[in-house]
């Protein structure tokens, strides 16, 4: 009873602004310069890992292909936090940090789209790689186009109103407008939100006044701080129920669940 509403809150309310702020903070020039390695890691590496895990699960464990792809989609996106923390400690080149941050923005979108296809295949007890690949490409293209459209419209509205408070209000609406329609139509919404944030990062200096940008920085810092605090609070409130639920579980099951969650 507790987990279902909290999961909806995280996906529909908490996730869009977090993704959006990370994309806006990304330098479009550096992202464009490193687009090839970012795409290879965020899409190619995730798809390759998903296929390898699905094949291993099918031939070694005897799982159906669809169930194997579900497992592969769950474990395929790498965690970008640990590599970035190591990068800052070792003071590696700036390009590596940009590639890691850009890959971290897009790999979850790829994994979520693959996961949804795999879940549908499991429920229908049928899987067609060619149809899945075509639908995957269509979703990616449509989400990118939608994200660009949302960023273009919101920037023009912000330039038209010329009022910092209204512009900040429109900036808050932007990630939800980019995320919710693709999510409702069967996509992930993550890629559209990232695209909208990158588009605004690219054109924001030209269309957003300095006063609005200055106020927006302080507002978004406080907004993200409150969101992250709410996430930790929700996690702490569920800790007791999770402990009672899994107190009789074996150690192997707990370690397996922890490994999947950490991924």
Protein backbone atom coordinates (compact mmCIF):
# COMPACT_ATOMS: atom_id res chain seq x y z
CA UNK A 1 0.00 0.00 0.00
CA UNK A 2 2.88 2.33 0.74
CA UNK A 3 5.13 1.51 -2.20
CA UNK A 4 2.72 2.15 -5.08
CA UNK A 5 1.89 5.85 -4.42
CA UNK A 6 5.48 6.62 -3.52
CA UNK A 7 6.73 5.08 -6.76
CA UNK A 8 4.25 7.22 -8.71
CA UNK A 9 5.40 10.32 -6.86
CA UNK A 10 9.05 9.61 -7.63
CA UNK A 11 8.46 8.94 -11.34
CA UNK A 12 5.95 11.69 -12.08
CA UNK A 13 6.88 14.51 -9.68
CA UNK A 14 10.38 14.04 -8.33
CA UNK A 15 12.23 12.69 -11.38
CA UNK A 16 11.46 15.38 -14.04
CA UNK A 17 12.98 18.40 -12.23
CA UNK A 18 16.05 16.42 -11.20
CA UNK A 19 16.72 15.34 -14.79
CA UNK A 20 15.93 18.80 -16.14
CA UNK A 21 18.34 20.66 -13.86
CA UNK A 22 21.15 18.25 -14.71
CA UNK A 23 20.54 18.78 -18.42
CA UNK A 24 20.36 22.57 -18.12
CA UNK A 25 23.61 22.60 -16.14
CA UNK A 26 25.31 20.64 -18.92
CA UNK A 27 27.24 22.75 -21.45
CA UNK A 28 25.64 22.18 -24.87
CA UNK A 29 28.91 22.96 -26.65
CA UNK A 30 30.79 20.30 -24.69
CA UNK A 31 27.89 17.85 -25.02
CA UNK A 32 27.80 18.33 -28.80
CA UNK A 33 31.57 17.96 -29.08
CA UNK A 34 31.43 14.63 -27.21
CA UNK A 35 28.13 13.45 -28.70
CA UNK A 36 29.56 10.34 -30.36
CA UNK A 37 31.08 8.71 -27.23
CA UNK A 38 28.03 9.75 -25.18
CA UNK A 39 25.62 8.08 -27.61
CA UNK A 40 27.81 4.98 -27.88
CA UNK A 41 27.84 4.62 -24.09
CA UNK A 42 24.27 5.69 -23.32
CA UNK A 43 22.60 3.72 -26.12
CA UNK A 44 25.06 1.25 -27.61
CA UNK A 45 26.58 0.05 -24.36
CA UNK A 46 23.20 -0.24 -22.60
CA UNK A 47 21.63 -2.17 -25.49
CA UNK A 48 24.70 -4.43 -25.77
CA UNK A 49 24.67 -5.15 -22.03
CA UNK A 50 20.95 -5.89 -22.11
CA UNK A 51 21.37 -8.35 -24.99
CA UNK A 52 24.36 -10.09 -23.34
CA UNK A 53 22.55 -10.44 -20.00
CA UNK A 54 19.42 -11.73 -21.77
CA UNK A 55 21.47 -14.30 -23.71
CA UNK A 56 23.30 -15.43 -20.58
CA UNK A 57 20.03 -15.75 -18.67
CA UNK A 58 18.45 -17.68 -21.55
CA UNK A 59 21.25 -20.18 -22.16
CA UNK A 60 22.66 -20.50 -18.64
CA UNK A 61 19.52 -20.18 -16.51
CA UNK A 62 16.88 -21.31 -18.98
CA UNK A 63 14.84 -18.11 -18.76
CA UNK A 64 12.65 -17.10 -21.72
CA UNK A 65 14.08 -14.40 -23.96
CA UNK A 66 11.52 -11.82 -22.82
CA UNK A 67 12.26 -12.43 -19.13
CA UNK A 68 15.97 -12.29 -19.90
CA UNK A 69 15.56 -8.90 -21.52
CA UNK A 70 13.68 -7.66 -18.45
CA UNK A 71 16.65 -8.67 -16.29
CA UNK A 72 19.09 -7.14 -18.76
CA UNK A 73 17.24 -3.82 -18.87
CA UNK A 74 17.28 -3.67 -15.06
CA UNK A 75 21.03 -4.19 -14.65
CA UNK A 76 22.29 -2.51 -17.85
CA UNK A 77 22.42 1.24 -16.95
CA UNK A 78 25.63 1.96 -15.02
CA UNK A 79 25.75 4.19 -11.97
CA UNK A 80 27.44 7.49 -12.86
CA UNK A 81 27.85 8.79 -9.28
CA UNK A 82 30.80 6.58 -8.34
CA UNK A 83 32.85 7.28 -11.51
CA UNK A 84 32.26 11.03 -11.14
CA UNK A 85 33.38 10.99 -7.52
CA UNK A 86 36.57 9.15 -8.54
CA UNK A 87 37.07 11.61 -11.40
CA UNK A 88 36.89 14.62 -9.09
CA UNK A 89 39.30 13.00 -6.65
CA UNK A 90 41.87 12.14 -9.33
CA UNK A 91 41.36 15.39 -11.30
CA UNK A 92 41.09 13.67 -14.65
CA UNK A 93 40.53 15.65 -17.89
CA UNK A 94 37.35 17.69 -18.20
CA UNK A 95 36.24 15.74 -21.29
CA UNK A 96 35.90 12.52 -19.28
CA UNK A 97 33.60 14.25 -16.81
CA UNK A 98 31.44 15.64 -19.62
CA UNK A 99 31.15 12.19 -21.24
CA UNK A 100 30.21 10.57 -17.92
CA UNK A 101 27.63 13.24 -17.11
CA UNK A 102 26.12 13.11 -20.59
CA UNK A 103 26.00 9.32 -20.54
CA UNK A 104 24.38 9.41 -17.10
CA UNK A 105 21.60 11.66 -18.43
CA UNK A 106 20.64 9.37 -21.33
CA UNK A 107 21.41 5.80 -20.23
CA UNK A 108 18.40 5.59 -17.90
CA UNK A 109 16.11 6.62 -20.77
CA UNK A 110 17.47 3.81 -22.93
CA UNK A 111 17.13 1.28 -20.12
CA UNK A 112 13.57 2.38 -19.26
CA UNK A 113 12.43 2.06 -22.88
CA UNK A 114 14.01 -1.41 -23.16
CA UNK A 115 12.46 -2.42 -19.83
CA UNK A 116 8.98 -1.40 -20.97
CA UNK A 117 9.32 -3.39 -24.20
CA UNK A 118 10.52 -6.42 -22.26
CA UNK A 119 7.66 -6.21 -19.76
CA UNK A 120 5.13 -5.98 -22.59
CA UNK A 121 6.76 -8.98 -24.27
CA UNK A 122 6.50 -10.97 -21.03
CA UNK A 123 2.84 -10.06 -20.58
CA UNK A 124 2.00 -10.96 -24.20
CA UNK A 125 4.28 -14.03 -24.17
CA UNK A 126 5.78 -12.93 -27.50
CA UNK A 127 8.94 -11.10 -28.52
CA UNK A 128 9.97 -9.81 -31.96
CA UNK A 129 13.45 -8.21 -32.11
CA UNK A 130 12.76 -6.42 -35.41
CA UNK A 131 9.50 -4.88 -34.19
CA UNK A 132 11.07 -3.96 -30.86
CA UNK A 133 14.01 -2.26 -32.62
CA UNK A 134 11.69 -0.27 -34.87
CA UNK A 135 9.49 0.82 -32.00
CA UNK A 136 12.58 1.74 -29.94
CA UNK A 137 13.90 3.97 -32.74
CA UNK A 138 10.48 5.61 -33.18
CA UNK A 139 10.17 6.36 -29.46
CA UNK A 140 13.68 7.84 -29.31
CA UNK A 141 13.07 10.11 -32.33
CA UNK A 142 9.62 11.21 -31.11
CA UNK A 143 10.89 12.01 -27.62
CA UNK A 144 13.80 14.06 -28.97
CA UNK A 145 11.44 16.03 -31.25
CA UNK A 146 8.97 16.57 -28.39
CA UNK A 147 11.74 17.77 -26.07
CA UNK A 148 12.97 20.28 -28.67
CA UNK A 149 9.41 21.54 -29.22
CA UNK A 150 8.83 22.00 -25.48
CA UNK A 151 12.14 23.83 -25.05
CA UNK A 152 11.46 26.08 -28.05
CA UNK A 153 7.93 27.01 -26.91
CA UNK A 154 8.87 27.63 -23.28
CA UNK A 155 11.84 29.82 -24.20
CA UNK A 156 9.65 31.95 -26.46
CA UNK A 157 7.02 32.26 -23.73
CA UNK A 158 9.65 33.30 -21.21
CA UNK A 159 11.02 35.89 -23.62
CA UNK A 160 7.50 37.20 -24.22
CA UNK A 161 6.44 37.62 -20.58
CA UNK A 162 9.69 39.38 -19.52
CA UNK A 163 8.88 38.97 -15.83
CA UNK A 164 11.37 37.00 -13.68
CA UNK A 165 8.73 35.44 -11.43
CA UNK A 166 6.61 34.30 -14.37
CA UNK A 167 9.70 33.03 -16.18
CA UNK A 168 10.73 30.97 -13.15
CA UNK A 169 7.19 29.59 -12.95
CA UNK A 170 7.41 28.57 -16.61
CA UNK A 171 10.79 26.96 -15.95
CA UNK A 172 9.18 24.83 -13.23
CA UNK A 173 6.43 23.74 -15.63
CA UNK A 174 8.92 22.84 -18.39
CA UNK A 175 10.23 19.48 -17.08
CA UNK A 176 6.74 18.21 -16.30
CA UNK A 177 5.43 19.29 -19.71
CA UNK A 178 8.31 17.45 -21.35
CA UNK A 179 8.04 14.33 -19.16
CA UNK A 180 4.33 13.61 -18.64
CA UNK A 181 2.97 13.26 -22.24
CA UNK A 182 5.59 10.68 -23.39
CA UNK A 183 5.16 8.84 -20.10
CA UNK A 184 1.39 8.73 -20.61
CA UNK A 185 1.77 7.53 -24.22
CA UNK A 186 4.07 4.63 -23.33
CA UNK A 187 7.54 6.16 -23.54
CA UNK A 188 9.87 7.00 -20.69
CA UNK A 189 9.78 10.81 -20.71
CA UNK A 190 13.40 10.93 -19.56
CA UNK A 191 14.87 11.52 -23.01
CA UNK A 192 12.35 14.26 -23.80
CA UNK A 193 13.16 16.03 -20.52
CA UNK A 194 16.90 15.78 -21.15
CA UNK A 195 16.43 17.14 -24.68
CA UNK A 196 14.35 20.09 -23.43
CA UNK A 197 16.98 20.89 -20.79
CA UNK A 198 19.84 20.74 -23.32
CA UNK A 199 17.92 22.94 -25.75
CA UNK A 200 17.34 25.55 -23.05
CA UNK A 201 20.98 25.29 -21.99
CA UNK A 202 21.97 25.94 -25.62
CA UNK A 203 19.67 28.95 -26.22
CA UNK A 204 19.10 30.24 -22.69
CA UNK A 205 21.93 32.76 -22.64
CA UNK A 206 20.49 34.41 -25.74
CA UNK A 207 16.80 34.46 -24.75
CA UNK A 208 16.80 34.66 -20.93
CA UNK A 209 17.80 37.88 -19.16
CA UNK A 210 20.67 37.95 -16.69
CA UNK A 211 18.36 38.99 -13.81
CA UNK A 212 16.07 36.02 -14.44
CA UNK A 213 19.02 33.61 -14.67
CA UNK A 214 20.42 34.91 -11.38
CA UNK A 215 17.11 34.50 -9.54
CA UNK A 216 16.51 31.14 -11.21
CA UNK A 217 19.82 29.75 -9.95
CA UNK A 218 18.92 30.44 -6.32
CA UNK A 219 15.35 29.17 -6.78
CA UNK A 220 16.37 25.92 -8.47
CA UNK A 221 19.09 25.25 -5.88
CA UNK A 222 16.48 25.51 -3.11
CA UNK A 223 13.88 23.57 -5.11
CA UNK A 224 16.23 20.64 -5.80
CA UNK A 225 17.42 20.68 -2.18
CA UNK A 226 13.81 20.32 -0.96
CA UNK A 227 13.07 17.55 -3.49
CA UNK A 228 16.13 15.54 -2.50
CA UNK A 229 15.25 15.99 1.18
CA UNK A 230 11.73 14.71 0.49
CA UNK A 231 13.15 11.65 -1.28
CA UNK A 232 15.36 10.82 1.71
CA UNK A 233 12.39 11.35 4.05
CA UNK A 234 10.18 8.98 2.04
CA UNK A 235 12.99 6.42 1.96
CA UNK A 236 13.39 6.62 5.74
CA UNK A 237 9.64 6.25 6.32
CA UNK A 238 9.59 3.05 4.28
CA UNK A 239 12.66 1.56 5.92
CA UNK A 240 10.71 0.05 8.84
CA UNK A 241 8.10 -1.61 6.62
CA UNK A 242 10.82 -3.01 4.36
CA UNK A 243 12.68 -4.47 7.33
CA UNK A 244 9.53 -6.20 8.59
CA UNK A 245 8.69 -7.47 5.11
CA UNK A 246 12.09 -9.03 4.47
CA UNK A 247 13.11 -10.08 7.96
CA UNK A 248 12.39 -13.72 7.10
CA UNK A 249 14.10 -13.60 3.70
CA UNK A 250 17.32 -15.47 3.06
CA UNK A 251 20.64 -13.69 2.84
CA UNK A 252 21.05 -14.57 -0.84
CA UNK A 253 17.71 -12.98 -1.74
CA UNK A 254 18.58 -9.83 0.20
CA UNK A 255 21.96 -9.55 -1.51
CA UNK A 256 20.40 -10.09 -4.94
CA UNK A 257 17.77 -7.43 -4.29
CA UNK A 258 20.40 -5.00 -2.99
CA UNK A 259 22.56 -5.56 -6.07
CA UNK A 260 19.63 -4.83 -8.41
CA UNK A 261 18.66 -1.69 -6.45
CA UNK A 262 22.22 -0.39 -6.43
CA UNK A 263 22.42 -0.72 -10.20
